[in-house]
């Protein structure tokens, strides 16, 4: 039996996958010492951002998502589970 691919929970808690397969994340530099930053900087840091594709590829692998289109991956998994349930 092969290795079972599991999601990395640390990555799963820090990133959300969009419908097109991109990874959204929150910015760093938000926890303390914010008084030194300008209002514009604080506004931009409060909004979510899209992770660069180079890093996103590695994190998608850690999330057990193959390539882009995670909704397609989820749909394929559901079809497999449904066919397994029918055979039982």
N, C-alpha and C. Protein backbone atom coordinates (compact mmCIF):
# COMPACT_ATOMS: atom_id res chain seq x y z
N UNK A 1 0.84 -1.17 0.00
CA UNK A 1 0.00 0.00 0.00
C UNK A 1 0.89 1.24 0.00
N UNK A 2 0.49 2.24 -0.75
CA UNK A 2 1.30 3.44 -0.90
C UNK A 2 1.14 4.41 0.26
N UNK A 3 1.90 5.46 0.21
CA UNK A 3 1.88 6.48 1.25
C UNK A 3 0.61 7.32 1.10
N UNK A 4 -0.05 7.58 2.21
CA UNK A 4 -1.26 8.39 2.19
C UNK A 4 -0.87 9.86 2.34
N UNK A 5 -1.24 10.68 1.34
CA UNK A 5 -0.88 12.08 1.34
C UNK A 5 -1.79 12.84 2.30
N UNK A 6 -1.20 13.48 3.30
CA UNK A 6 -1.97 14.21 4.30
C UNK A 6 -1.70 15.71 4.17
N UNK A 7 -2.69 16.51 4.54
CA UNK A 7 -2.51 17.96 4.49
C UNK A 7 -1.65 18.41 5.66
N UNK A 8 -0.85 19.41 5.42
CA UNK A 8 -0.02 20.02 6.46
C UNK A 8 -0.90 21.04 7.17
N UNK A 9 -1.25 20.77 8.43
CA UNK A 9 -2.23 21.59 9.14
C UNK A 9 -1.76 23.02 9.38
N UNK A 10 -0.44 23.22 9.52
CA UNK A 10 0.07 24.57 9.70
C UNK A 10 -0.16 25.43 8.47
N UNK A 11 0.01 24.83 7.31
CA UNK A 11 -0.22 25.54 6.05
C UNK A 11 -1.72 25.74 5.84
N UNK A 12 -2.50 24.72 6.17
CA UNK A 12 -3.95 24.80 5.96
C UNK A 12 -4.58 25.91 6.79
N UNK A 13 -4.02 26.18 7.98
CA UNK A 13 -4.59 27.23 8.82
C UNK A 13 -4.17 28.62 8.37
N UNK A 14 -3.11 28.72 7.61
CA UNK A 14 -2.60 30.04 7.21
C UNK A 14 -3.01 30.46 5.81
N UNK A 15 -3.46 29.54 4.98
CA UNK A 15 -3.79 29.85 3.59
C UNK A 15 -5.19 29.38 3.26
N UNK A 16 -5.86 30.13 2.39
CA UNK A 16 -7.14 29.72 1.84
C UNK A 16 -6.95 29.58 0.33
N UNK A 17 -7.59 28.59 -0.25
CA UNK A 17 -7.46 28.34 -1.68
C UNK A 17 -8.65 28.97 -2.39
N UNK A 18 -8.38 29.79 -3.40
CA UNK A 18 -9.46 30.41 -4.17
C UNK A 18 -9.97 29.40 -5.18
N UNK A 19 -11.05 29.74 -5.86
CA UNK A 19 -11.66 28.83 -6.84
C UNK A 19 -10.73 28.55 -8.01
N UNK A 20 -9.86 29.50 -8.33
CA UNK A 20 -8.94 29.28 -9.45
C UNK A 20 -7.64 28.61 -9.00
N UNK A 21 -7.52 28.31 -7.70
CA UNK A 21 -6.35 27.58 -7.21
C UNK A 21 -5.26 28.46 -6.64
N UNK A 22 -5.48 29.76 -6.59
CA UNK A 22 -4.48 30.65 -5.99
C UNK A 22 -4.59 30.57 -4.48
N UNK A 23 -3.51 30.95 -3.79
CA UNK A 23 -3.52 30.90 -2.33
C UNK A 23 -3.58 32.31 -1.77
N UNK A 24 -4.58 32.55 -0.91
CA UNK A 24 -4.71 33.82 -0.21
C UNK A 24 -4.06 33.69 1.15
N UNK A 25 -3.41 34.76 1.60
CA UNK A 25 -2.79 34.76 2.92
C UNK A 25 -2.90 36.13 3.56
N UNK A 26 -2.73 36.16 4.87
CA UNK A 26 -2.71 37.43 5.58
C UNK A 26 -1.28 37.94 5.65
N UNK A 27 -1.15 39.24 5.76
CA UNK A 27 0.18 39.86 5.81
C UNK A 27 0.83 39.71 7.18
N UNK A 28 2.14 39.76 7.18
CA UNK A 28 2.87 39.82 8.44
C UNK A 28 2.95 41.29 8.89
N UNK A 29 3.65 41.57 9.94
CA UNK A 29 3.84 42.93 10.50
C UNK A 29 2.55 43.51 11.06
N UNK A 30 1.63 42.68 11.55
CA UNK A 30 0.36 43.16 12.05
C UNK A 30 0.19 43.05 13.56
N UNK A 31 1.09 42.37 14.24
CA UNK A 31 0.81 42.03 15.63
C UNK A 31 1.07 43.17 16.62
N UNK A 32 2.18 43.86 16.50
CA UNK A 32 2.48 44.93 17.46
C UNK A 32 3.39 45.97 16.81
N UNK A 33 3.63 47.06 17.50
CA UNK A 33 4.44 48.19 17.01
C UNK A 33 3.89 48.77 15.71
N UNK A 34 2.58 48.89 15.66
CA UNK A 34 1.96 49.41 14.44
C UNK A 34 1.94 50.93 14.40
N UNK A 35 2.26 51.57 15.51
CA UNK A 35 2.19 53.03 15.55
C UNK A 35 3.25 53.66 14.66
N UNK A 36 4.31 52.92 14.36
CA UNK A 36 5.36 53.46 13.49
C UNK A 36 4.96 53.44 12.02
N UNK A 37 3.93 52.71 11.67
CA UNK A 37 3.55 52.57 10.27
C UNK A 37 2.52 53.62 9.87
N UNK A 38 2.55 53.98 8.61
CA UNK A 38 1.60 54.97 8.11
C UNK A 38 0.21 54.34 8.00
N UNK A 39 -0.80 55.20 7.89
CA UNK A 39 -2.17 54.71 7.77
C UNK A 39 -2.34 53.89 6.50
N UNK A 40 -1.69 54.34 5.43
CA UNK A 40 -1.78 53.61 4.16
C UNK A 40 -1.20 52.20 4.30
N UNK A 41 -0.06 52.11 4.97
CA UNK A 41 0.59 50.81 5.16
C UNK A 41 -0.30 49.88 5.99
N UNK A 42 -0.89 50.42 7.07
CA UNK A 42 -1.74 49.61 7.93
C UNK A 42 -2.99 49.14 7.18
N UNK A 43 -3.53 50.01 6.32
CA UNK A 43 -4.71 49.65 5.53
C UNK A 43 -4.39 48.48 4.59
N UNK A 44 -3.26 48.56 3.92
CA UNK A 44 -2.87 47.52 2.97
C UNK A 44 -2.52 46.22 3.67
N UNK A 45 -1.92 46.32 4.84
CA UNK A 45 -1.56 45.10 5.57
C UNK A 45 -2.79 44.38 6.10
N UNK A 46 -3.90 45.10 6.28
CA UNK A 46 -5.10 44.48 6.80
C UNK A 46 -5.83 43.64 5.78
N UNK A 47 -5.52 43.84 4.49
CA UNK A 47 -6.21 43.10 3.44
C UNK A 47 -5.45 41.84 3.09
N UNK A 48 -6.16 40.83 2.69
CA UNK A 48 -5.52 39.57 2.28
C UNK A 48 -4.79 39.78 0.96
N UNK A 49 -3.81 38.93 0.71
CA UNK A 49 -3.01 39.04 -0.50
C UNK A 49 -2.89 37.67 -1.14
N UNK A 50 -2.55 37.66 -2.42
CA UNK A 50 -2.35 36.41 -3.17
C UNK A 50 -0.87 36.06 -3.10
N UNK A 51 -0.59 34.81 -2.80
CA UNK A 51 0.79 34.34 -2.68
C UNK A 51 1.41 34.20 -4.07
N UNK A 52 2.70 34.51 -4.20
CA UNK A 52 3.40 34.35 -5.47
C UNK A 52 3.34 32.89 -5.92
N UNK A 53 3.30 32.67 -7.21
CA UNK A 53 3.10 31.33 -7.75
C UNK A 53 4.25 30.38 -7.42
N UNK A 54 5.46 30.89 -7.32
CA UNK A 54 6.60 30.04 -6.99
C UNK A 54 6.45 29.39 -5.63
N UNK A 55 6.00 30.16 -4.65
CA UNK A 55 5.77 29.63 -3.32
C UNK A 55 4.47 28.81 -3.28
N UNK A 56 3.49 29.27 -4.04
CA UNK A 56 2.17 28.62 -4.01
C UNK A 56 2.26 27.17 -4.47
N UNK A 57 3.13 26.87 -5.43
CA UNK A 57 3.27 25.49 -5.90
C UNK A 57 3.67 24.56 -4.76
N UNK A 58 4.64 24.99 -3.97
CA UNK A 58 5.12 24.17 -2.85
C UNK A 58 4.01 23.99 -1.81
N UNK A 59 3.30 25.07 -1.49
CA UNK A 59 2.28 25.00 -0.46
C UNK A 59 1.07 24.20 -0.94
N UNK A 60 0.75 24.25 -2.23
CA UNK A 60 -0.33 23.43 -2.75
C UNK A 60 -0.01 21.96 -2.58
N UNK A 61 1.24 21.60 -2.77
CA UNK A 61 1.66 20.21 -2.57
C UNK A 61 1.48 19.83 -1.09
N UNK A 62 1.78 20.77 -0.18
CA UNK A 62 1.62 20.50 1.24
C UNK A 62 0.15 20.41 1.64
N UNK A 63 -0.72 21.07 0.85
CA UNK A 63 -2.15 21.01 1.12
C UNK A 63 -2.81 19.82 0.42
N UNK A 64 -2.02 19.01 -0.27
CA UNK A 64 -2.51 17.83 -1.00
C UNK A 64 -3.45 18.23 -2.13
N UNK A 65 -3.15 19.37 -2.77
CA UNK A 65 -3.92 19.83 -3.93
C UNK A 65 -3.00 19.73 -5.13
N UNK A 66 -3.43 19.03 -6.16
CA UNK A 66 -2.57 18.86 -7.32
C UNK A 66 -2.89 19.93 -8.36
N UNK A 67 -1.91 20.75 -8.68
CA UNK A 67 -2.07 21.77 -9.71
C UNK A 67 -3.09 22.82 -9.35
N UNK A 68 -3.64 23.46 -10.37
CA UNK A 68 -4.66 24.48 -10.18
C UNK A 68 -6.04 23.83 -10.15
N UNK A 69 -7.07 24.63 -10.03
CA UNK A 69 -8.46 24.20 -10.02
C UNK A 69 -8.77 23.23 -8.88
N UNK A 70 -8.68 23.67 -7.63
CA UNK A 70 -8.94 22.77 -6.51
C UNK A 70 -10.39 22.30 -6.46
N UNK A 71 -11.33 23.07 -7.00
CA UNK A 71 -12.72 22.61 -7.02
C UNK A 71 -12.87 21.39 -7.90
N UNK A 72 -12.10 21.32 -8.99
CA UNK A 72 -12.12 20.15 -9.85
C UNK A 72 -11.54 18.95 -9.10
N UNK A 73 -10.47 19.18 -8.34
CA UNK A 73 -9.86 18.11 -7.54
C UNK A 73 -10.87 17.60 -6.51
N UNK A 74 -11.58 18.52 -5.84
CA UNK A 74 -12.57 18.12 -4.85
C UNK A 74 -13.68 17.33 -5.51
N UNK A 75 -14.13 17.78 -6.69
CA UNK A 75 -15.19 17.09 -7.42
C UNK A 75 -14.75 15.68 -7.81
N UNK A 76 -13.50 15.56 -8.29
CA UNK A 76 -12.98 14.24 -8.67
C UNK A 76 -12.93 13.31 -7.46
N UNK A 77 -12.51 13.83 -6.31
CA UNK A 77 -12.46 13.02 -5.09
C UNK A 77 -13.85 12.56 -4.69
N UNK A 78 -14.84 13.45 -4.80
CA UNK A 78 -16.21 13.08 -4.46
C UNK A 78 -16.74 11.99 -5.38
N UNK A 79 -16.39 12.07 -6.67
CA UNK A 79 -16.82 11.04 -7.62
C UNK A 79 -16.21 9.69 -7.26
N UNK A 80 -14.94 9.69 -6.89
CA UNK A 80 -14.27 8.45 -6.51
C UNK A 80 -14.91 7.85 -5.27
N UNK A 81 -15.19 8.70 -4.27
CA UNK A 81 -15.83 8.23 -3.04
C UNK A 81 -17.22 7.68 -3.32
N UNK A 82 -17.97 8.35 -4.22
CA UNK A 82 -19.30 7.89 -4.55
C UNK A 82 -19.26 6.53 -5.26
N UNK A 83 -18.29 6.36 -6.16
CA UNK A 83 -18.19 5.08 -6.86
C UNK A 83 -17.76 3.96 -5.90
N UNK A 84 -16.91 4.30 -4.93
CA UNK A 84 -16.50 3.30 -3.93
C UNK A 84 -17.68 2.92 -3.05
N UNK A 85 -18.53 3.89 -2.72
CA UNK A 85 -19.69 3.62 -1.88
C UNK A 85 -20.70 2.73 -2.63
N UNK A 86 -20.81 2.90 -3.96
CA UNK A 86 -21.73 2.08 -4.75
C UNK A 86 -21.26 0.63 -4.82
N UNK A 87 -19.94 0.44 -4.89
CA UNK A 87 -19.40 -0.92 -5.02
C UNK A 87 -19.53 -1.70 -3.71
N UNK A 88 -19.65 -1.00 -2.59
CA UNK A 88 -19.74 -1.69 -1.28
C UNK A 88 -21.12 -2.20 -1.00
